[in-house]
PDB file of N, CA and C in Angstrom:
ATOM      1  N   MET A   1     101.214 101.584 138.800  1.00  0.00           N
ATOM      2  CA  MET A   1     100.063 100.743 138.522  1.00  0.00           C
ATOM      3  C   MET A   1     100.465  99.579 137.619  1.00  0.00           C
ATOM      4  N   ALA A   2      99.665  98.542 137.682  1.00  0.00           N
ATOM      5  CA  ALA A   2      99.938  97.357 136.875  1.00  0.00           C
ATOM      6  C   ALA A   2      99.558  97.599 135.415  1.00  0.00           C
ATOM      7  N   VAL A   3     100.318  96.976 134.548  1.00  0.00           N
ATOM      8  CA  VAL A   3     100.045  97.071 133.117  1.00  0.00           C
ATOM      9  C   VAL A   3      99.041  95.984 132.763  1.00  0.00           C
ATOM     10  N   ASN A   4      97.986  96.367 132.059  1.00  0.00           N
ATOM     11  CA  ASN A   4      96.928  95.441 131.673  1.00  0.00           C
ATOM     12  C   ASN A   4      96.692  95.517 130.173  1.00  0.00           C
ATOM     13  N   PHE A   5      96.001  94.518 129.647  1.00  0.00           N
ATOM     14  CA  PHE A   5      95.664  94.462 128.224  1.00  0.00           C
ATOM     15  C   PHE A   5      94.231  94.951 128.053  1.00  0.00           C
ATOM     16  N   TYR A   6      94.007  95.848 127.085  1.00  0.00           N
ATOM     17  CA  TYR A   6      92.696  96.457 126.869  1.00  0.00           C
ATOM     18  C   TYR A   6      92.277  96.374 125.404  1.00  0.00           C
ATOM     19  N   GLU A   7      90.963  96.367 125.225  1.00  0.00           N
ATOM     20  CA  GLU A   7      90.371  96.579 123.902  1.00  0.00           C
ATOM     21  C   GLU A   7      89.571  97.867 124.003  1.00  0.00           C
ATOM     22  N   LEU A   8      89.753  98.738 123.038  1.00  0.00           N
ATOM     23  CA  LEU A   8      89.052 100.019 123.030  1.00  0.00           C
ATOM     24  C   LEU A   8      88.367 100.201 121.682  1.00  0.00           C
ATOM     25  N   THR A   9      87.088 100.516 121.729  1.00  0.00           N
ATOM     26  CA  THR A   9      86.351 100.878 120.520  1.00  0.00           C
ATOM     27  C   THR A   9      85.723 102.237 120.781  1.00  0.00           C
ATOM     28  N   TYR A  10      85.926 103.155 119.847  1.00  0.00           N
ATOM     29  CA  TYR A  10      85.288 104.458 119.989  1.00  0.00           C
ATOM     30  C   TYR A  10      84.725 104.913 118.654  1.00  0.00           C
ATOM     31  N   VAL A  11      83.736 105.798 118.741  1.00  0.00           N
ATOM     32  CA  VAL A  11      83.014 106.267 117.556  1.00  0.00           C
ATOM     33  C   VAL A  11      83.192 107.778 117.450  1.00  0.00           C
ATOM     34  N   VAL A  12      83.720 108.200 116.310  1.00  0.00           N
ATOM     35  CA  VAL A  12      83.962 109.615 116.045  1.00  0.00           C
ATOM     36  C   VAL A  12      82.785 110.162 115.237  1.00  0.00           C
ATOM     37  N   ASN A  13      82.446 111.412 115.489  1.00  0.00           N
ATOM     38  CA  ASN A  13      81.371 112.104 114.785  1.00  0.00           C
ATOM     39  C   ASN A  13      81.584 111.977 113.269  1.00  0.00           C
ATOM     40  N   PRO A  14      80.587 111.454 112.529  1.00  0.00           N
ATOM     41  CA  PRO A  14      80.754 111.232 111.090  1.00  0.00           C
ATOM     42  C   PRO A  14      80.669 112.503 110.243  1.00  0.00           C
ATOM     43  N   VAL A  15      80.248 113.593 110.832  1.00  0.00           N
ATOM     44  CA  VAL A  15      80.071 114.834 110.099  1.00  0.00           C
ATOM     45  C   VAL A  15      81.419 115.524 109.827  1.00  0.00           C
ATOM     46  N   LEU A  16      82.448 115.135 110.564  1.00  0.00           N
ATOM     47  CA  LEU A  16      83.762 115.760 110.439  1.00  0.00           C
ATOM     48  C   LEU A  16      84.408 115.430 109.099  1.00  0.00           C
ATOM     49  N   GLU A  17      85.285 116.340 108.654  1.00  0.00           N
ATOM     50  CA  GLU A  17      86.090 116.084 107.462  1.00  0.00           C
ATOM     51  C   GLU A  17      87.126 115.016 107.794  1.00  0.00           C
ATOM     52  N   GLU A  18      87.693 114.386 106.772  1.00  0.00           N
ATOM     53  CA  GLU A  18      88.664 113.298 106.968  1.00  0.00           C
ATOM     54  C   GLU A  18      89.853 113.738 107.823  1.00  0.00           C
ATOM     55  N   ASP A  19      90.381 114.941 107.588  1.00  0.00           N
ATOM     56  CA  ASP A  19      91.536 115.413 108.381  1.00  0.00           C
ATOM     57  C   ASP A  19      91.152 115.654 109.838  1.00  0.00           C
ATOM     58  N   GLN A  20      89.915 116.062 110.090  1.00  0.00           N
ATOM     59  CA  GLN A  20      89.448 116.270 111.462  1.00  0.00           C
ATOM     60  C   GLN A  20      89.288 114.921 112.178  1.00  0.00           C
ATOM     61  N   VAL A  21      88.797 113.916 111.463  1.00  0.00           N
ATOM     62  CA  VAL A  21      88.672 112.571 112.036  1.00  0.00           C
ATOM     63  C   VAL A  21      90.061 112.059 112.397  1.00  0.00           C
ATOM     64  N   GLN A  22      91.017 112.210 111.485  1.00  0.00           N
ATOM     65  CA  GLN A  22      92.382 111.754 111.745  1.00  0.00           C
ATOM     66  C   GLN A  22      93.005 112.516 112.922  1.00  0.00           C
ATOM     67  N   ASN A  23      92.637 113.766 113.090  1.00  0.00           N
ATOM     68  CA  ASN A  23      93.118 114.559 114.231  1.00  0.00           C
ATOM     69  C   ASN A  23      92.585 113.982 115.550  1.00  0.00           C
ATOM     70  N   GLU A  24      91.322 113.569 115.569  1.00  0.00           N
ATOM     71  CA  GLU A  24      90.734 112.952 116.768  1.00  0.00           C
ATOM     72  C   GLU A  24      91.438 111.631 117.092  1.00  0.00           C
ATOM     73  N   ILE A  25      91.712 110.852 116.057  1.00  0.00           N
ATOM     74  CA  ILE A  25      92.415 109.577 116.251  1.00  0.00           C
ATOM     75  C   ILE A  25      93.824 109.834 116.758  1.00  0.00           C
ATOM     76  N   LYS A  26      94.464 110.884 116.236  1.00  0.00           N
ATOM     77  CA  LYS A  26      95.829 111.227 116.670  1.00  0.00           C
ATOM     78  C   LYS A  26      95.854 111.627 118.144  1.00  0.00           C
ATOM     79  N   LYS A  27      94.817 112.299 118.617  1.00  0.00           N
ATOM     80  CA  LYS A  27      94.741 112.671 120.039  1.00  0.00           C
ATOM     81  C   LYS A  27      94.794 111.430 120.924  1.00  0.00           C
ATOM     82  N   VAL A  28      94.040 110.405 120.533  1.00  0.00           N
ATOM     83  CA  VAL A  28      94.016 109.150 121.292  1.00  0.00           C
ATOM     84  C   VAL A  28      95.386 108.479 121.221  1.00  0.00           C
ATOM     85  N   ASP A  29      95.947 108.411 120.018  1.00  0.00           N
ATOM     86  CA  ASP A  29      97.265 107.787 119.838  1.00  0.00           C
ATOM     87  C   ASP A  29      98.338 108.509 120.652  1.00  0.00           C
ATOM     88  N   ASP A  30      98.300 109.840 120.646  1.00  0.00           N
ATOM     89  CA  ASP A  30      99.283 110.626 121.400  1.00  0.00           C
ATOM     90  C   ASP A  30      99.170 110.391 122.901  1.00  0.00           C
ATOM     91  N   LEU A  31      97.931 110.326 123.391  1.00  0.00           N
ATOM     92  CA  LEU A  31      97.735 110.074 124.819  1.00  0.00           C
ATOM     93  C   LEU A  31      98.276 108.702 125.209  1.00  0.00           C
ATOM     94  N   LEU A  32      98.031 107.702 124.377  1.00  0.00           N
ATOM     95  CA  LEU A  32      98.546 106.364 124.653  1.00  0.00           C
ATOM     96  C   LEU A  32     100.075 106.335 124.565  1.00  0.00           C
ATOM     97  N   SER A  33     100.633 107.052 123.609  1.00  0.00           N
ATOM     98  CA  SER A  33     102.096 107.130 123.478  1.00  0.00           C
ATOM     99  C   SER A  33     102.720 107.798 124.697  1.00  0.00           C
ATOM    100  N   LYS A  34     102.052 108.827 125.188  1.00  0.00           N
ATOM    101  CA  LYS A  34     102.529 109.540 126.378  1.00  0.00           C
ATOM    102  C   LYS A  34     102.651 108.591 127.570  1.00  0.00           C
ATOM    103  N   HIS A  35     101.745 107.622 127.650  1.00  0.00           N
ATOM    104  CA  HIS A  35     101.752 106.661 128.757  1.00  0.00           C
ATOM    105  C   HIS A  35     102.496 105.369 128.399  1.00  0.00           C
ATOM    106  N   LYS A  36     103.239 105.412 127.300  1.00  0.00           N
ATOM    107  CA  LYS A  36     104.069 104.273 126.862  1.00  0.00           C
ATOM    108  C   LYS A  36     103.254 102.997 126.631  1.00  0.00           C
ATOM    109  N   ALA A  37     102.113 103.164 126.009  1.00  0.00           N
ATOM    110  CA  ALA A  37     101.274 102.012 125.682  1.00  0.00           C
ATOM    111  C   ALA A  37     101.898 101.220 124.543  1.00  0.00           C
ATOM    112  N   GLU A  38     101.736  99.908 124.598  1.00  0.00           N
ATOM    113  CA  GLU A  38     102.173  99.036 123.512  1.00  0.00           C
ATOM    114  C   GLU A  38     100.937  98.645 122.714  1.00  0.00           C
ATOM    115  N   VAL A  39     100.737  99.310 121.579  1.00  0.00           N
ATOM    116  CA  VAL A  39      99.568  99.046 120.744  1.00  0.00           C
ATOM    117  C   VAL A  39      99.824  97.779 119.942  1.00  0.00           C
ATOM    118  N   ASP A  40      98.952  96.788 120.126  1.00  0.00           N
ATOM    119  CA  ASP A  40      99.092  95.509 119.445  1.00  0.00           C
ATOM    120  C   ASP A  40      98.433  95.543 118.074  1.00  0.00           C
ATOM    121  N   GLN A  41      97.265  96.173 117.999  1.00  0.00           N
ATOM    122  CA  GLN A  41      96.518  96.214 116.746  1.00  0.00           C
ATOM    123  C   GLN A  41      95.587  97.422 116.764  1.00  0.00           C
ATOM    124  N   LYS A  42      95.470  98.076 115.618  1.00  0.00           N
ATOM    125  CA  LYS A  42      94.541  99.204 115.492  1.00  0.00           C
ATOM    126  C   LYS A  42      93.836  99.084 114.154  1.00  0.00           C
ATOM    127  N   ASP A  43      92.514  99.085 114.198  1.00  0.00           N
ATOM    128  CA  ASP A  43      91.707  98.977 112.983  1.00  0.00           C
ATOM    129  C   ASP A  43      90.771 100.167 112.905  1.00  0.00           C
ATOM    130  N   GLU A  44      90.785 100.825 111.757  1.00  0.00           N
ATOM    131  CA  GLU A  44      89.804 101.880 111.503  1.00  0.00           C
ATOM    132  C   GLU A  44      88.737 101.247 110.621  1.00  0.00           C
ATOM    133  N   TRP A  45      87.563 101.058 111.207  1.00  0.00           N
ATOM    134  CA  TRP A  45      86.470 100.421 110.483  1.00  0.00           C
ATOM    135  C   TRP A  45      85.759 101.380 109.545  1.00  0.00           C
ATOM    136  N   GLY A  46      86.033 102.661 109.690  1.00  0.00           N
ATOM    137  CA  GLY A  46      85.394 103.652 108.832  1.00  0.00           C
ATOM    138  C   GLY A  46      83.989 103.980 109.296  1.00  0.00           C
ATOM    139  N   ILE A  47      83.227 104.594 108.403  1.00  0.00           N
ATOM    140  CA  ILE A  47      81.866 105.006 108.747  1.00  0.00           C
ATOM    141  C   ILE A  47      80.941 103.795 108.686  1.00  0.00           C
ATOM    142  N   GLN A  48      80.275 103.554 109.810  1.00  0.00           N
ATOM    143  CA  GLN A  48      79.333 102.440 109.950  1.00  0.00           C
ATOM    144  C   GLN A  48      77.995 102.984 110.436  1.00  0.00           C
ATOM    145  N   ARG A  49      76.948 102.305 110.077  1.00  0.00           N
ATOM    146  CA  ARG A  49      75.602 102.686 110.534  1.00  0.00           C
ATOM    147  C   ARG A  49      75.451 102.275 112.000  1.00  0.00           C
ATOM    148  N   LEU A  50      74.860 103.149 112.795  1.00  0.00           N
ATOM    149  CA  LEU A  50      74.596 102.864 114.201  1.00  0.00           C
ATOM    150  C   LEU A  50      73.289 102.079 114.335  1.00  0.00           C
ATOM    151  N   THR A  51      73.203 101.255 115.356  1.00  0.00           N
ATOM    152  CA  THR A  51      71.995 100.480 115.606  1.00  0.00           C
ATOM    153  C   THR A  51      70.849 101.407 116.007  1.00  0.00           C
ATOM    154  N   TYR A  52      71.189 102.430 116.774  1.00  0.00           N
ATOM    155  CA  TYR A  52      70.189 103.413 117.172  1.00  0.00           C
ATOM    156  C   TYR A  52      70.822 104.795 117.097  1.00  0.00           C
ATOM    157  N   GLU A  53      69.987 105.790 117.003  1.00  0.00           N
ATOM    158  CA  GLU A  53      70.447 107.168 116.857  1.00  0.00           C
ATOM    159  C   GLU A  53      71.136 107.662 118.131  1.00  0.00           C
ATOM    160  N   ILE A  54      72.280 108.327 117.967  1.00  0.00           N
ATOM    161  CA  ILE A  54      73.004 108.930 119.090  1.00  0.00           C
ATOM    162  C   ILE A  54      73.232 110.393 118.753  1.00  0.00           C
ATOM    163  N   ASP A  55      72.735 111.270 119.612  1.00  0.00           N
ATOM    164  CA  ASP A  55      72.884 112.721 119.408  1.00  0.00           C
ATOM    165  C   ASP A  55      72.440 113.153 118.007  1.00  0.00           C
ATOM    166  N   GLY A  56      71.382 112.557 117.516  1.00  0.00           N
ATOM    167  CA  GLY A  56      70.849 112.924 116.213  1.00  0.00           C
ATOM    168  C   GLY A  56      71.632 112.360 115.039  1.00  0.00           C
ATOM    169  N   LYS A  57      72.535 111.414 115.290  1.00  0.00           N
ATOM    170  CA  LYS A  57      73.368 110.851 114.228  1.00  0.00           C
ATOM    171  C   LYS A  57      73.030 109.368 114.037  1.00  0.00           C
ATOM    172  N   ASN A  58      72.986 108.950 112.779  1.00  0.00           N
ATOM    173  CA  ASN A  58      72.669 107.560 112.448  1.00  0.00           C
ATOM    174  C   ASN A  58      73.898 106.740 112.091  1.00  0.00           C
ATOM    175  N   SER A  59      75.072 107.387 112.007  1.00  0.00           N
ATOM    176  CA  SER A  59      76.297 106.678 111.665  1.00  0.00           C
ATOM    177  C   SER A  59      77.464 107.302 112.426  1.00  0.00           C
ATOM    178  N   GLY A  60      78.612 106.624 112.360  1.00  0.00           N
ATOM    179  CA  GLY A  60      79.798 107.128 113.034  1.00  0.00           C
ATOM    180  C   GLY A  60      81.040 106.478 112.459  1.00  0.00           C
ATOM    181  N   TYR A  61      82.196 107.091 112.684  1.00  0.00           N
ATOM    182  CA  TYR A  61      83.480 106.567 112.226  1.00  0.00           C
ATOM    183  C   TYR A  61      84.057 105.732 113.366  1.00  0.00           C
ATOM    184  N   PHE A  62      84.131 104.415 113.170  1.00  0.00           N
ATOM    185  CA  PHE A  62      84.538 103.483 114.222  1.00  0.00           C
ATOM    186  C   PHE A  62      86.038 103.208 114.178  1.00  0.00           C
ATOM    187  N   VAL A  63      86.643 103.175 115.382  1.00  0.00           N
ATOM    188  CA  VAL A  63      88.046 102.797 115.533  1.00  0.00           C
ATOM    189  C   VAL A  63      88.118 101.757 116.643  1.00  0.00           C
ATOM    190  N   ASN A  64      88.836 100.664 116.395  1.00  0.00           N
ATOM    191  CA  ASN A  64      89.004  99.597 117.381  1.00  0.00           C
ATOM    192  C   ASN A  64      90.491  99.346 117.559  1.00  0.00           C
ATOM    193  N   MET A  65      90.920  99.195 118.815  1.00  0.00           N
ATOM    194  CA  MET A  65      92.336  98.930 119.056  1.00  0.00           C
ATOM    195  C   MET A  65      92.551  98.040 120.269  1.00  0.00           C
ATOM    196  N   TYR A  66      93.681  97.338 120.258  1.00  0.00           N
ATOM    197  CA  TYR A  66      94.107  96.475 121.350  1.00  0.00           C
ATOM    198  C   TYR A  66      95.472  96.967 121.807  1.00  0.00           C
ATOM    199  N   PHE A  67      95.659  97.098 123.126  1.00  0.00           N
ATOM    200  CA  PHE A  67      96.929  97.625 123.624  1.00  0.00           C
ATOM    201  C   PHE A  67      97.148  97.257 125.078  1.00  0.00           C
ATOM    202  N   GLU A  68      98.403  97.403 125.530  1.00  0.00           N
ATOM    203  CA  GLU A  68      98.768  97.219 126.931  1.00  0.00           C
ATOM    204  C   GLU A  68      99.210  98.562 127.488  1.00  0.00           C
ATOM    205  N   VAL A  69      98.681  98.901 128.652  1.00  0.00           N
ATOM    206  CA  VAL A  69      99.028 100.168 129.301  1.00  0.00           C
ATOM    207  C   VAL A  69      98.592 100.087 130.761  1.00  0.00           C
ATOM    208  N   ASP A  70      99.076 101.006 131.575  1.00  0.00           N
ATOM    209  CA  ASP A  70      98.643 101.013 132.976  1.00  0.00           C
ATOM    210  C   ASP A  70      97.274 101.681 133.115  1.00  0.00           C
ATOM    211  N   GLY A  71      96.617 101.417 134.221  1.00  0.00           N
ATOM    212  CA  GLY A  71      95.261 101.906 134.458  1.00  0.00           C
ATOM    213  C   GLY A  71      95.139 103.417 134.504  1.00  0.00           C
ATOM    214  N   LYS A  72      96.210 104.102 134.883  1.00  0.00           N
ATOM    215  CA  LYS A  72      96.196 105.572 134.946  1.00  0.00           C
ATOM    216  C   LYS A  72      95.892 106.167 133.571  1.00  0.00           C
ATOM    217  N   ALA A  73      96.434 105.543 132.536  1.00  0.00           N
ATOM    218  CA  ALA A  73      96.204 106.020 131.169  1.00  0.00           C
ATOM    219  C   ALA A  73      94.737 105.869 130.783  1.00  0.00           C
ATOM    220  N   ILE A  74      94.100 104.792 131.241  1.00  0.00           N
ATOM    221  CA  ILE A  74      92.692 104.566 130.909  1.00  0.00           C
ATOM    222  C   ILE A  74      91.824 105.645 131.547  1.00  0.00           C
ATOM    223  N   GLU A  75      92.133 106.007 132.782  1.00  0.00           N
ATOM    224  CA  GLU A  75      91.387 107.090 133.445  1.00  0.00           C
ATOM    225  C   GLU A  75      91.480 108.374 132.624  1.00  0.00           C
ATOM    226  N   GLU A  76      92.680 108.696 132.184  1.00  0.00           N
ATOM    227  CA  GLU A  76      92.892 109.925 131.412  1.00  0.00           C
ATOM    228  C   GLU A  76      92.220 109.843 130.041  1.00  0.00           C
ATOM    229  N   LEU A  77      92.292 108.672 129.428  1.00  0.00           N
ATOM    230  CA  LEU A  77      91.684 108.464 128.117  1.00  0.00           C
ATOM    231  C   LEU A  77      90.161 108.619 128.185  1.00  0.00           C
ATOM    232  N   GLU A  78      89.543 107.984 129.174  1.00  0.00           N
ATOM    233  CA  GLU A  78      88.092 108.077 129.302  1.00  0.00           C
ATOM    234  C   GLU A  78      87.652 109.489 129.681  1.00  0.00           C
ATOM    235  N   ARG A  79      88.473 110.204 130.411  1.00  0.00           N
ATOM    236  CA  ARG A  79      88.173 111.615 130.711  1.00  0.00           C
ATOM    237  C   ARG A  79      88.178 112.424 129.414  1.00  0.00           C
ATOM    238  N   LEU A  80      89.168 112.166 128.558  1.00  0.00           N
ATOM    239  CA  LEU A  80      89.238 112.849 127.259  1.00  0.00           C
ATOM    240  C   LEU A  80      87.975 112.573 126.451  1.00  0.00           C
ATOM    241  N   PHE A  81      87.533 111.315 126.437  1.00  0.00           N
ATOM    242  CA  PHE A  81      86.333 110.963 125.680  1.00  0.00           C
ATOM    243  C   PHE A  81      85.085 111.653 126.223  1.00  0.00           C
ATOM    244  N   ARG A  82      84.991 111.792 127.538  1.00  0.00           N
ATOM    245  CA  ARG A  82      83.813 112.436 128.136  1.00  0.00           C
ATOM    246  C   ARG A  82      83.734 113.924 127.798  1.00  0.00           C
ATOM    247  N   ILE A  83      84.884 114.582 127.689  1.00  0.00           N
ATOM    248  CA  ILE A  83      84.851 116.029 127.430  1.00  0.00           C
ATOM    249  C   ILE A  83      84.965 116.370 125.947  1.00  0.00           C
ATOM    250  N   GLU A  84      85.364 115.411 125.135  1.00  0.00           N
ATOM    251  CA  GLU A  84      85.535 115.640 123.703  1.00  0.00           C
ATOM    252  C   GLU A  84      84.187 115.484 122.998  1.00  0.00           C
ATOM    253  N   ASP A  85      83.707 116.548 122.380  1.00  0.00           N
ATOM    254  CA  ASP A  85      82.401 116.524 121.712  1.00  0.00           C
ATOM    255  C   ASP A  85      82.371 115.649 120.466  1.00  0.00           C
ATOM    256  N   ASN A  86      83.519 115.445 119.829  1.00  0.00           N
ATOM    257  CA  ASN A  86      83.545 114.695 118.573  1.00  0.00           C
ATOM    258  C   ASN A  86      83.627 113.181 118.754  1.00  0.00           C
ATOM    259  N   ILE A  87      83.775 112.711 119.983  1.00  0.00           N
ATOM    260  CA  ILE A  87      83.700 111.275 120.269  1.00  0.00           C
ATOM    261  C   ILE A  87      82.295 111.034 120.815  1.00  0.00           C
ATOM    262  N   ILE A  88      81.473 110.313 120.039  1.00  0.00           N
ATOM    263  CA  ILE A  88      80.075 110.186 120.452  1.00  0.00           C
ATOM    264  C   ILE A  88      79.819 108.955 121.318  1.00  0.00           C
ATOM    265  N   ARG A  89      80.685 107.940 121.272  1.00  0.00           N
ATOM    266  CA  ARG A  89      80.587 106.777 122.159  1.00  0.00           C
ATOM    267  C   ARG A  89      81.955 106.115 122.266  1.00  0.00           C
ATOM    268  N   TYR A  90      82.156 105.403 123.372  1.00  0.00           N
ATOM    269  CA  TYR A  90      83.382 104.621 123.544  1.00  0.00           C
ATOM    270  C   TYR A  90      83.110 103.448 124.472  1.00  0.00           C
ATOM    271  N   LEU A  91      83.940 102.419 124.345  1.00  0.00           N
ATOM    272  CA  LEU A  91      83.852 101.246 125.207  1.00  0.00           C
ATOM    273  C   LEU A  91      85.266 100.729 125.426  1.00  0.00           C
ATOM    274  N   THR A  92      85.659 100.627 126.691  1.00  0.00           N
ATOM    275  CA  THR A  92      86.966 100.102 127.052  1.00  0.00           C
ATOM    276  C   THR A  92      86.755  98.790 127.795  1.00  0.00           C
ATOM    277  N   ILE A  93      87.440  97.737 127.346  1.00  0.00           N
ATOM    278  CA  ILE A  93      87.324  96.429 127.986  1.00  0.00           C
ATOM    279  C   ILE A  93      88.701  96.009 128.473  1.00  0.00           C
ATOM    280  N   LYS A  94      88.787  95.687 129.763  1.00  0.00           N
ATOM    281  CA  LYS A  94      90.027  95.174 130.342  1.00  0.00           C
ATOM    282  C   LYS A  94      90.002  93.658 130.220  1.00  0.00           C
ATOM    283  N   TYR A  95      91.000  93.102 129.553  1.00  0.00           N
ATOM    284  CA  TYR A  95      91.052  91.661 129.338  1.00  0.00           C
ATOM    285  C   TYR A  95      91.665  90.956 130.540  1.00  0.00           C
ATOM    286  N   ASP A  96      91.040  89.845 130.947  1.00  0.00           N
ATOM    287  CA  ASP A  96      91.671  88.982 131.945  1.00  0.00           C
ATOM    288  C   ASP A  96      92.515  87.960 131.174  1.00  0.00           C
ATOM    289  N   ASN A  97      93.173  87.063 131.881  1.00  0.00           N
ATOM    290  CA  ASN A  97      94.077  86.103 131.233  1.00  0.00           C
ATOM    291  C   ASN A  97      93.364  85.217 130.213  1.00  0.00           C
ATOM    292  N   LYS A  98      92.153  84.796 130.536  1.00  0.00           N
ATOM    293  CA  LYS A  98      91.398  83.921 129.638  1.00  0.00           C
ATOM    294  C   LYS A  98      91.048  84.653 128.337  1.00  0.00           C
ATOM    295  N   MET A  99      90.601  85.889 128.461  1.00  0.00           N
ATOM    296  CA  MET A  99      90.244  86.679 127.285  1.00  0.00           C
ATOM    297  C   MET A  99      91.475  86.972 126.427  1.00  0.00           C
ATOM    298  N   LYS A 100      92.603  87.252 127.098  1.00  0.00           N
ATOM    299  CA  LYS A 100      93.836  87.549 126.364  1.00  0.00           C
ATOM    300  C   LYS A 100      94.316  86.314 125.606  1.00  0.00           C
ATOM    301  N   ARG A 101      94.227  85.147 126.239  1.00  0.00           N
ATOM    302  CA  ARG A 101      94.619  83.897 125.580  1.00  0.00           C
ATOM    303  C   ARG A 101      93.735  83.661 124.355  1.00  0.00           C
ATOM    304  N   HIS A 102      92.444  83.887 124.478  1.00  0.00           N
ATOM    305  CA  HIS A 102      91.510  83.736 123.355  1.00  0.00           C
ATOM    306  C   HIS A 102      91.893  84.681 122.221  1.00  0.00           C
ATOM    307  N   TYR A 103      92.203  85.926 122.557  1.00  0.00           N
ATOM    308  CA  TYR A 103      92.602  86.926 121.559  1.00  0.00           C
ATOM    309  C   TYR A 103      93.866  86.475 120.826  1.00  0.00           C
ATOM    310  N   GLU A 104      94.859  85.984 121.581  1.00  0.00           N
ATOM    311  CA  GLU A 104      96.121  85.550 120.977  1.00  0.00           C
ATOM    312  C   GLU A 104      95.924  84.344 120.058  1.00  0.00           C
ATOM    313  N   LEU A 105      95.086  83.387 120.474  1.00  0.00           N
ATOM    314  CA  LEU A 105      94.800  82.234 119.622  1.00  0.00           C
ATOM    315  C   LEU A 105      94.070  82.657 118.350  1.00  0.00           C
ATOM    316  N   LYS A 106      93.123  83.572 118.490  1.00  0.00           N
ATOM    317  CA  LYS A 106      92.372  84.070 117.340  1.00  0.00           C
ATOM    318  C   LYS A 106      93.302  84.774 116.358  1.00  0.00           C
ATOM    319  N   LYS A 107      94.228  85.553 116.901  1.00  0.00           N
ATOM    320  CA  LYS A 107      95.173  86.296 116.073  1.00  0.00           C
ATOM    321  C   LYS A 107      96.085  85.345 115.285  1.00  0.00           C
ATOM    322  N   LYS A 108      96.462  84.232 115.905  1.00  0.00           N
ATOM    323  CA  LYS A 108      97.321  83.239 115.248  1.00  0.00           C
ATOM    324  C   LYS A 108      96.539  82.321 114.313  1.00  0.00           C
ATOM    325  N   GLY A 109      95.210  82.362 114.415  1.00  0.00           N
ATOM    326  CA  GLY A 109      94.378  81.477 113.613  1.00  0.00           C
ATOM    327  C   GLY A 109      94.325  80.070 114.175  1.00  0.00           C
ATOM    328  N   GLU A 110      94.617  79.924 115.454  1.00  0.00           N
ATOM    329  CA  GLU A 110      94.640  78.613 116.103  1.00  0.00           C
ATOM    330  C   GLU A 110      93.477  78.425 117.073  1.00  0.00           C
ATOM    331  N   LEU A 111      92.441  79.176 116.905  1.00  0.00           N
ATOM    332  CA  LEU A 111      91.290  79.094 117.794  1.00  0.00           C
ATOM    333  C   LEU A 111      90.572  77.770 117.570  1.00  0.00           C
ATOM    334  N   PRO A 112      90.395  76.965 118.628  1.00  0.00           N
ATOM    335  CA  PRO A 112      89.725  75.670 118.448  1.00  0.00           C
ATOM    336  C   PRO A 112      88.255  75.864 118.093  1.00  0.00           C
ATOM    337  N   GLU A 113      87.737  74.917 117.323  1.00  0.00           N
ATOM    338  CA  GLU A 113      86.339  74.981 116.918  1.00  0.00           C
ATOM    339  C   GLU A 113      85.484  74.443 118.054  1.00  0.00           C
ATOM    340  N   VAL A 114      84.644  75.278 118.603  1.00  0.00           N
ATOM    341  CA  VAL A 114      83.815  74.894 119.741  1.00  0.00           C
ATOM    342  C   VAL A 114      82.611  74.087 119.279  1.00  0.00           C
ATOM    343  N   PHE A 115      81.942  74.573 118.270  1.00  0.00           N
ATOM    344  CA  PHE A 115      80.777  73.895 117.727  1.00  0.00           C
ATOM    345  C   PHE A 115      81.076  73.538 116.279  1.00  0.00           C
ATOM    346  N   PRO A 116      81.406  72.278 116.013  1.00  0.00           N
ATOM    347  CA  PRO A 116      81.736  71.903 114.637  1.00  0.00           C
ATOM    348  C   PRO A 116      80.544  72.108 113.712  1.00  0.00           C
ATOM    349  N   ALA A 117      80.857  72.471 112.486  1.00  0.00           N
ATOM    350  CA  ALA A 117      79.803  72.709 111.498  1.00  0.00           C
ATOM    351  C   ALA A 117      79.097  71.402 111.181  1.00  0.00           C
ATOM    352  N   VAL A 118      77.786  71.455 111.146  1.00  0.00           N
ATOM    353  CA  VAL A 118      76.972  70.284 110.835  1.00  0.00           C
ATOM    354  C   VAL A 118      76.253  70.563 109.529  1.00  0.00           C
ATOM    355  N   GLU A 119      76.393  69.630 108.603  1.00  0.00           N
ATOM    356  CA  GLU A 119      75.707  69.807 107.327  1.00  0.00           C
ATOM    357  C   GLU A 119      74.223  69.519 107.519  1.00  0.00           C
ATOM    358  N   GLU A 120      73.420  70.388 106.945  1.00  0.00           N
ATOM    359  CA  GLU A 120      71.974  70.216 107.053  1.00  0.00           C
ATOM    360  C   GLU A 120      71.520  69.192 106.024  1.00  0.00           C
ATOM    361  N   SER A 121      70.652  68.301 106.439  1.00  0.00           N
ATOM    362  CA  SER A 121      70.110  67.332 105.486  1.00  0.00           C
ATOM    363  C   SER A 121      69.049  68.024 104.640  1.00  0.00           C
ATOM    364  N   GLU A 122      68.734  67.375 103.520  1.00  0.00           N
ATOM    365  CA  GLU A 122      67.764  67.983 102.614  1.00  0.00           C
ATOM    366  C   GLU A 122      66.376  68.035 103.232  1.00  0.00           C
ATOM    367  N   GLU A 123      66.042  67.013 103.991  1.00  0.00           N
ATOM    368  CA  GLU A 123      64.723  66.977 104.616  1.00  0.00           C
ATOM    369  C   GLU A 123      64.883  67.041 106.129  1.00  0.00           C
ATOM    370  N   ALA A 124      64.174  67.931 106.729  1.00  0.00           N
ATOM    371  CA  ALA A 124      64.223  68.050 108.183  1.00  0.00           C
ATOM    372  C   ALA A 124      63.358  66.948 108.784  1.00  0.00           C
ATOM    373  N   PRO A 125      63.819  66.331 109.882  1.00  0.00           N
ATOM    374  CA  PRO A 125      63.008  65.281 110.509  1.00  0.00           C
ATOM    375  C   PRO A 125      61.706  65.869 111.068  1.00  0.00           C
ATOM    376  N   ILE A 126      60.650  65.108 110.948  1.00  0.00           N
ATOM    377  CA  ILE A 126      59.343  65.537 111.451  1.00  0.00           C
ATOM    378  C   ILE A 126      59.219  65.050 112.888  1.00  0.00           C
ATOM    379  N   PRO A 127      58.999  65.960 113.827  1.00  0.00           N
ATOM    380  CA  PRO A 127      58.875  65.548 115.228  1.00  0.00           C
ATOM    381  C   PRO A 127      57.583  64.739 115.434  1.00  0.00           C
ATOM    382  N   GLU A 128      57.698  63.715 116.278  1.00  0.00           N
ATOM    383  CA  GLU A 128      56.534  62.894 116.568  1.00  0.00           C
ATOM    384  C   GLU A 128      55.747  63.532 117.712  1.00  0.00           C
ATOM    385  N   SER A 129      54.415  63.448 117.603  1.00  0.00           N
ATOM    386  CA  SER A 129      53.561  64.043 118.623  1.00  0.00           C
ATOM    387  C   SER A 129      53.227  63.058 119.701  1.00  0.00           C
TER     388      SER A 129
END
């Protein structure tokens, strides 16, 4: 299978102890290592409040990562998430060339400004009727 670039965000049950959370993260890392994934970036955002309740929980331990791997690994990874009770949500995004270029520019800090900042005047203009 072809190797593609992915962004993965998943939410671990917040009720778990710190070592149990790290064990869940290690399962994901091990599966990606097994498939020879090249992890570009991994961020543990920690416990964050959820927008809406999921399985009776108002918060979760968020992990976000960017990596390259073949599609077979994604199938196996998402299967793990579906059967694993301690992962309460996940989202996998496959990047196309445009998205990957945007990510690389953002990472380098060279992202062009699309909408330049406009200073607000002290008095807003009054629309004419």
